Amino acid sequence: MEKNARGYVQESCQALEEASRCLQQALSTVEKDQNRDRIQQSLDGLTAVQSHCRETANVLSHQ
């Protein structure tokens, strides 16, 4: 069965969650403050994208 838009969005949300976990792991191993700041900025940006993705998935699941 072929995925619809909702399926693709849900898959994207799952991939974003995995990326978030990876960045969290990176934060726990990084040594340089400059690199820590960059990883944290990436994580902050990703958090905003995750929120938007979840909202989109929620809208699509109620249509």
PDB file of N, CA and C in Angstrom:
ATOM      1  N   MET A   1       0.845  -1.188   0.000  1.00  0.00           N
ATOM      2  CA  MET A   1       0.000   0.000   0.000  1.00  0.00           C
ATOM      3  C   MET A   1       0.887   1.247   0.000  1.00  0.00           C
ATOM      4  N   GLU A   2       0.509   2.189  -0.809  1.00  0.00           N
ATOM      5  CA  GLU A   2       1.278   3.428  -0.924  1.00  0.00           C
ATOM      6  C   GLU A   2       0.915   4.387   0.211  1.00  0.00           C
ATOM      7  N   LYS A   3       1.935   5.088   0.706  1.00  0.00           N
ATOM      8  CA  LYS A   3       1.696   6.058   1.786  1.00  0.00           C
ATOM      9  C   LYS A   3       0.981   7.286   1.248  1.00  0.00           C
ATOM     10  N   ASN A   4       0.163   7.860   2.100  1.00  0.00           N
ATOM     11  CA  ASN A   4      -0.464   9.136   1.772  1.00  0.00           C
ATOM     12  C   ASN A   4       0.317  10.250   2.473  1.00  0.00           C
ATOM     13  N   ALA A   5      -0.163  11.474   2.351  1.00  0.00           N
ATOM     14  CA  ALA A   5       0.524  12.626   2.948  1.00  0.00           C
ATOM     15  C   ALA A   5       0.713  12.440   4.451  1.00  0.00           C
ATOM     16  N   ARG A   6      -0.321  11.959   5.121  1.00  0.00           N
ATOM     17  CA  ARG A   6      -0.233  11.759   6.570  1.00  0.00           C
ATOM     18  C   ARG A   6       0.876  10.773   6.911  1.00  0.00           C
ATOM     19  N   GLY A   7       0.983   9.703   6.148  1.00  0.00           N
ATOM     20  CA  GLY A   7       2.021   8.705   6.384  1.00  0.00           C
ATOM     21  C   GLY A   7       3.415   9.281   6.224  1.00  0.00           C
ATOM     22  N   TYR A   8       3.595  10.101   5.204  1.00  0.00           N
ATOM     23  CA  TYR A   8       4.897  10.731   4.994  1.00  0.00           C
ATOM     24  C   TYR A   8       5.231  11.720   6.109  1.00  0.00           C
ATOM     25  N   VAL A   9       4.238  12.475   6.542  1.00  0.00           N
ATOM     26  CA  VAL A   9       4.467  13.437   7.627  1.00  0.00           C
ATOM     27  C   VAL A   9       4.803  12.701   8.922  1.00  0.00           C
ATOM     28  N   GLN A  10       4.081  11.627   9.218  1.00  0.00           N
ATOM     29  CA  GLN A  10       4.371  10.850  10.426  1.00  0.00           C
ATOM     30  C   GLN A  10       5.778  10.248  10.359  1.00  0.00           C
ATOM     31  N   GLU A  11       6.163   9.773   9.186  1.00  0.00           N
ATOM     32  CA  GLU A  11       7.513   9.235   9.014  1.00  0.00           C
ATOM     33  C   GLU A  11       8.557  10.327   9.226  1.00  0.00           C
ATOM     34  N   SER A  12       8.267  11.524   8.746  1.00  0.00           N
ATOM     35  CA  SER A  12       9.174  12.654   8.945  1.00  0.00           C
ATOM     36  C   SER A  12       9.299  13.008  10.416  1.00  0.00           C
ATOM     37  N   CYS A  13       8.195  12.991  11.136  1.00  0.00           N
ATOM     38  CA  CYS A  13       8.224  13.272  12.576  1.00  0.00           C
ATOM     39  C   CYS A  13       9.099  12.250  13.303  1.00  0.00           C
ATOM     40  N   GLN A  14       8.998  10.999  12.917  1.00  0.00           N
ATOM     41  CA  GLN A  14       9.819   9.957  13.537  1.00  0.00           C
ATOM     42  C   GLN A  14      11.296  10.186  13.244  1.00  0.00           C
ATOM     43  N   ALA A  15      11.613  10.580  12.012  1.00  0.00           N
ATOM     44  CA  ALA A  15      13.008  10.849  11.654  1.00  0.00           C
ATOM     45  C   ALA A  15      13.547  12.046  12.439  1.00  0.00           C
ATOM     46  N   LEU A  16      12.700  13.040  12.661  1.00  0.00           N
ATOM     47  CA  LEU A  16      13.114  14.202  13.447  1.00  0.00           C
ATOM     48  C   LEU A  16      13.374  13.814  14.898  1.00  0.00           C
ATOM     49  N   GLU A  17      12.565  12.904  15.426  1.00  0.00           N
ATOM     50  CA  GLU A  17      12.786  12.438  16.797  1.00  0.00           C
ATOM     51  C   GLU A  17      14.136  11.721  16.908  1.00  0.00           C
ATOM     52  N   GLU A  18      14.463  10.922  15.902  1.00  0.00           N
ATOM     53  CA  GLU A  18      15.755  10.228  15.902  1.00  0.00           C
ATOM     54  C   GLU A  18      16.897  11.237  15.803  1.00  0.00           C
ATOM     55  N   ALA A  19      16.739  12.246  14.978  1.00  0.00           N
ATOM     56  CA  ALA A  19      17.767  13.284  14.862  1.00  0.00           C
ATOM     57  C   ALA A  19      17.951  14.007  16.192  1.00  0.00           C
ATOM     58  N   SER A  20      16.864  14.251  16.885  1.00  0.00           N
ATOM     59  CA  SER A  20      16.936  14.902  18.191  1.00  0.00           C
ATOM     60  C   SER A  20      17.715  14.045  19.183  1.00  0.00           C
ATOM     61  N   ARG A  21      17.439  12.754  19.188  1.00  0.00           N
ATOM     62  CA  ARG A  21      18.175  11.841  20.077  1.00  0.00           C
ATOM     63  C   ARG A  21      19.671  11.857  19.752  1.00  0.00           C
ATOM     64  N   CYS A  22      19.996  11.875  18.469  1.00  0.00           N
ATOM     65  CA  CYS A  22      21.406  11.895  18.062  1.00  0.00           C
ATOM     66  C   CYS A  22      22.089  13.183  18.509  1.00  0.00           C
ATOM     67  N   LEU A  23      21.403  14.309  18.359  1.00  0.00           N
ATOM     68  CA  LEU A  23      21.986  15.574  18.794  1.00  0.00           C
ATOM     69  C   LEU A  23      22.151  15.611  20.311  1.00  0.00           C
ATOM     70  N   GLN A  24      21.215  15.027  21.034  1.00  0.00           N
ATOM     71  CA  GLN A  24      21.346  14.955  22.495  1.00  0.00           C
ATOM     72  C   GLN A  24      22.585  14.136  22.874  1.00  0.00           C
ATOM     73  N   GLN A  25      22.800  13.048  22.165  1.00  0.00           N
ATOM     74  CA  GLN A  25      23.989  12.237  22.413  1.00  0.00           C
ATOM     75  C   GLN A  25      25.253  13.019  22.087  1.00  0.00           C
ATOM     76  N   ALA A  26      25.206  13.781  20.997  1.00  0.00           N
ATOM     77  CA  ALA A  26      26.362  14.599  20.623  1.00  0.00           C
ATOM     78  C   ALA A  26      26.678  15.607  21.722  1.00  0.00           C
ATOM     79  N   LEU A  27      25.637  16.202  22.301  1.00  0.00           N
ATOM     80  CA  LEU A  27      25.847  17.157  23.390  1.00  0.00           C
ATOM     81  C   LEU A  27      26.539  16.513  24.585  1.00  0.00           C
ATOM     82  N   SER A  28      26.239  15.267  24.816  1.00  0.00           N
ATOM     83  CA  SER A  28      26.828  14.606  25.979  1.00  0.00           C
ATOM     84  C   SER A  28      28.281  14.204  25.764  1.00  0.00           C
ATOM     85  N   THR A  29      28.759  14.286  24.517  1.00  0.00           N
ATOM     86  CA  THR A  29      30.133  13.872  24.244  1.00  0.00           C
ATOM     87  C   THR A  29      31.034  14.995  23.751  1.00  0.00           C
ATOM     88  N   VAL A  30      30.445  16.140  23.407  1.00  0.00           N
ATOM     89  CA  VAL A  30      31.231  17.233  22.833  1.00  0.00           C
ATOM     90  C   VAL A  30      32.161  17.838  23.879  1.00  0.00           C
ATOM     91  N   GLU A  31      33.335  18.247  23.454  1.00  0.00           N
ATOM     92  CA  GLU A  31      34.321  18.793  24.388  1.00  0.00           C
ATOM     93  C   GLU A  31      34.457  20.310  24.295  1.00  0.00           C
ATOM     94  N   LYS A  32      34.449  20.862  23.108  1.00  0.00           N
ATOM     95  CA  LYS A  32      34.666  22.299  22.936  1.00  0.00           C
ATOM     96  C   LYS A  32      33.364  23.070  23.131  1.00  0.00           C
ATOM     97  N   ASP A  33      33.456  24.171  23.878  1.00  0.00           N
ATOM     98  CA  ASP A  33      32.276  25.003  24.126  1.00  0.00           C
ATOM     99  C   ASP A  33      31.666  25.522  22.834  1.00  0.00           C
ATOM    100  N   GLN A  34      32.508  25.908  21.893  1.00  0.00           N
ATOM    101  CA  GLN A  34      32.015  26.425  20.618  1.00  0.00           C
ATOM    102  C   GLN A  34      31.177  25.365  19.895  1.00  0.00           C
ATOM    103  N   ASN A  35      31.650  24.138  19.909  1.00  0.00           N
ATOM    104  CA  ASN A  35      30.905  23.057  19.266  1.00  0.00           C
ATOM    105  C   ASN A  35      29.629  22.733  20.029  1.00  0.00           C
ATOM    106  N   ARG A  36      29.702  22.809  21.357  1.00  0.00           N
ATOM    107  CA  ARG A  36      28.511  22.588  22.180  1.00  0.00           C
ATOM    108  C   ARG A  36      27.430  23.610  21.828  1.00  0.00           C
ATOM    109  N   ASP A  37      27.834  24.857  21.669  1.00  0.00           N
ATOM    110  CA  ASP A  37      26.878  25.916  21.320  1.00  0.00           C
ATOM    111  C   ASP A  37      26.235  25.648  19.964  1.00  0.00           C
ATOM    112  N   ARG A  38      27.037  25.208  19.000  1.00  0.00           N
ATOM    113  CA  ARG A  38      26.499  24.927  17.657  1.00  0.00           C
ATOM    114  C   ARG A  38      25.519  23.764  17.697  1.00  0.00           C
ATOM    115  N   ILE A  39      25.870  22.726  18.437  1.00  0.00           N
ATOM    116  CA  ILE A  39      24.973  21.578  18.536  1.00  0.00           C
ATOM    117  C   ILE A  39      23.685  21.983  19.240  1.00  0.00           C
ATOM    118  N   GLN A  40      23.799  22.792  20.290  1.00  0.00           N
ATOM    119  CA  GLN A  40      22.603  23.247  20.991  1.00  0.00           C
ATOM    120  C   GLN A  40      21.722  24.097  20.090  1.00  0.00           C
ATOM    121  N   GLN A  41      22.318  24.947  19.268  1.00  0.00           N
ATOM    122  CA  GLN A  41      21.545  25.744  18.313  1.00  0.00           C
ATOM    123  C   GLN A  41      20.812  24.838  17.327  1.00  0.00           C
ATOM    124  N   SER A  42      21.488  23.798  16.879  1.00  0.00           N
ATOM    125  CA  SER A  42      20.847  22.841  15.973  1.00  0.00           C
ATOM    126  C   SER A  42      19.682  22.149  16.659  1.00  0.00           C
ATOM    127  N   LEU A  43      19.888  21.772  17.895  1.00  0.00           N
ATOM    128  CA  LEU A  43      18.841  21.106  18.652  1.00  0.00           C
ATOM    129  C   LEU A  43      17.654  22.035  18.883  1.00  0.00           C
ATOM    130  N   ASP A  44      17.919  23.292  19.185  1.00  0.00           N
ATOM    131  CA  ASP A  44      16.837  24.263  19.377  1.00  0.00           C
ATOM    132  C   ASP A  44      16.025  24.436  18.093  1.00  0.00           C
ATOM    133  N   GLY A  45      16.718  24.553  16.969  1.00  0.00           N
ATOM    134  CA  GLY A  45      16.023  24.682  15.685  1.00  0.00           C
ATOM    135  C   GLY A  45      15.211  23.436  15.367  1.00  0.00           C
ATOM    136  N   LEU A  46      15.779  22.295  15.651  1.00  0.00           N
ATOM    137  CA  LEU A  46      15.091  21.033  15.401  1.00  0.00           C
ATOM    138  C   LEU A  46      13.841  20.913  16.261  1.00  0.00           C
ATOM    139  N   THR A  47      13.899  21.379  17.484  1.00  0.00           N
ATOM    140  CA  THR A  47      12.739  21.333  18.377  1.00  0.00           C
ATOM    141  C   THR A  47      11.570  22.116  17.787  1.00  0.00           C
ATOM    142  N   ALA A  48      11.862  23.268  17.205  1.00  0.00           N
ATOM    143  CA  ALA A  48      10.806  24.068  16.571  1.00  0.00           C
ATOM    144  C   ALA A  48      10.215  23.330  15.370  1.00  0.00           C
ATOM    145  N   VAL A  49      11.061  22.701  14.585  1.00  0.00           N
ATOM    146  CA  VAL A  49      10.599  21.951  13.415  1.00  0.00           C
ATOM    147  C   VAL A  49       9.757  20.754  13.863  1.00  0.00           C
ATOM    148  N   GLN A  50      10.183  20.072  14.919  1.00  0.00           N
ATOM    149  CA  GLN A  50       9.417  18.937  15.441  1.00  0.00           C
ATOM    150  C   GLN A  50       8.010  19.372  15.850  1.00  0.00           C
ATOM    151  N   SER A  51       7.916  20.490  16.509  1.00  0.00           N
ATOM    152  CA  SER A  51       6.619  20.989  16.945  1.00  0.00           C
ATOM    153  C   SER A  51       5.709  21.237  15.749  1.00  0.00           C
ATOM    154  N   HIS A  52       6.245  21.873  14.749  1.00  0.00           N
ATOM    155  CA  HIS A  52       5.463  22.162  13.542  1.00  0.00           C
ATOM    156  C   HIS A  52       5.053  20.864  12.842  1.00  0.00           C
ATOM    157  N   CYS A  53       5.951  19.914  12.786  1.00  0.00           N
ATOM    158  CA  CYS A  53       5.656  18.628  12.153  1.00  0.00           C
ATOM    159  C   CYS A  53       4.539  17.907  12.901  1.00  0.00           C
ATOM    160  N   ARG A  54       4.610  17.898  14.227  1.00  0.00           N
ATOM    161  CA  ARG A  54       3.559  17.252  15.027  1.00  0.00           C
ATOM    162  C   ARG A  54       2.207  17.932  14.809  1.00  0.00           C
ATOM    163  N   GLU A  55       2.221  19.252  14.726  1.00  0.00           N
ATOM    164  CA  GLU A  55       0.966  19.976  14.475  1.00  0.00           C
ATOM    165  C   GLU A  55       0.389  19.586  13.119  1.00  0.00           C
ATOM    166  N   THR A  56       1.248  19.495  12.121  1.00  0.00           N
ATOM    167  CA  THR A  56       0.803  19.102  10.780  1.00  0.00           C
ATOM    168  C   THR A  56       0.254  17.693  10.796  1.00  0.00           C
ATOM    169  N   ALA A  57       0.944  16.772  11.455  1.00  0.00           N
ATOM    170  CA  ALA A  57       0.462  15.397  11.546  1.00  0.00           C
ATOM    171  C   ALA A  57      -0.897  15.346  12.243  1.00  0.00           C
ATOM    172  N   ASN A  58      -1.074  16.150  13.275  1.00  0.00           N
ATOM    173  CA  ASN A  58      -2.328  16.195  14.000  1.00  0.00           C
ATOM    174  C   ASN A  58      -3.460  16.694  13.102  1.00  0.00           C
ATOM    175  N   VAL A  59      -3.194  17.736  12.346  1.00  0.00           N
ATOM    176  CA  VAL A  59      -4.215  18.274  11.433  1.00  0.00           C
ATOM    177  C   VAL A  59      -4.592  17.224  10.384  1.00  0.00           C
ATOM    178  N   LEU A  60      -3.588  16.571   9.827  1.00  0.00           N
ATOM    179  CA  LEU A  60      -3.852  15.576   8.783  1.00  0.00           C
ATOM    180  C   LEU A  60      -4.602  14.359   9.327  1.00  0.00           C
ATOM    181  N   SER A  61      -4.385  14.021  10.566  1.00  0.00           N
ATOM    182  CA  SER A  61      -5.055  12.856  11.141  1.00  0.00           C
ATOM    183  C   SER A  61      -6.522  13.138  11.461  1.00  0.00           C
ATOM    184  N   HIS A  62      -6.907  14.407  11.493  1.00  0.00           N
ATOM    185  CA  HIS A  62      -8.300  14.761  11.790  1.00  0.00           C
ATOM    186  C   HIS A  62      -9.072  15.183  10.546  1.00  0.00           C
ATOM    187  N   GLN A  63      -8.536  14.889   9.393  1.00  0.00           N
ATOM    188  CA  GLN A  63      -9.252  15.255   8.156  1.00  0.00           C
ATOM    189  C   GLN A  63      -9.864  14.044   7.518  1.00  0.00           C
TER     190      GLN A  63
END
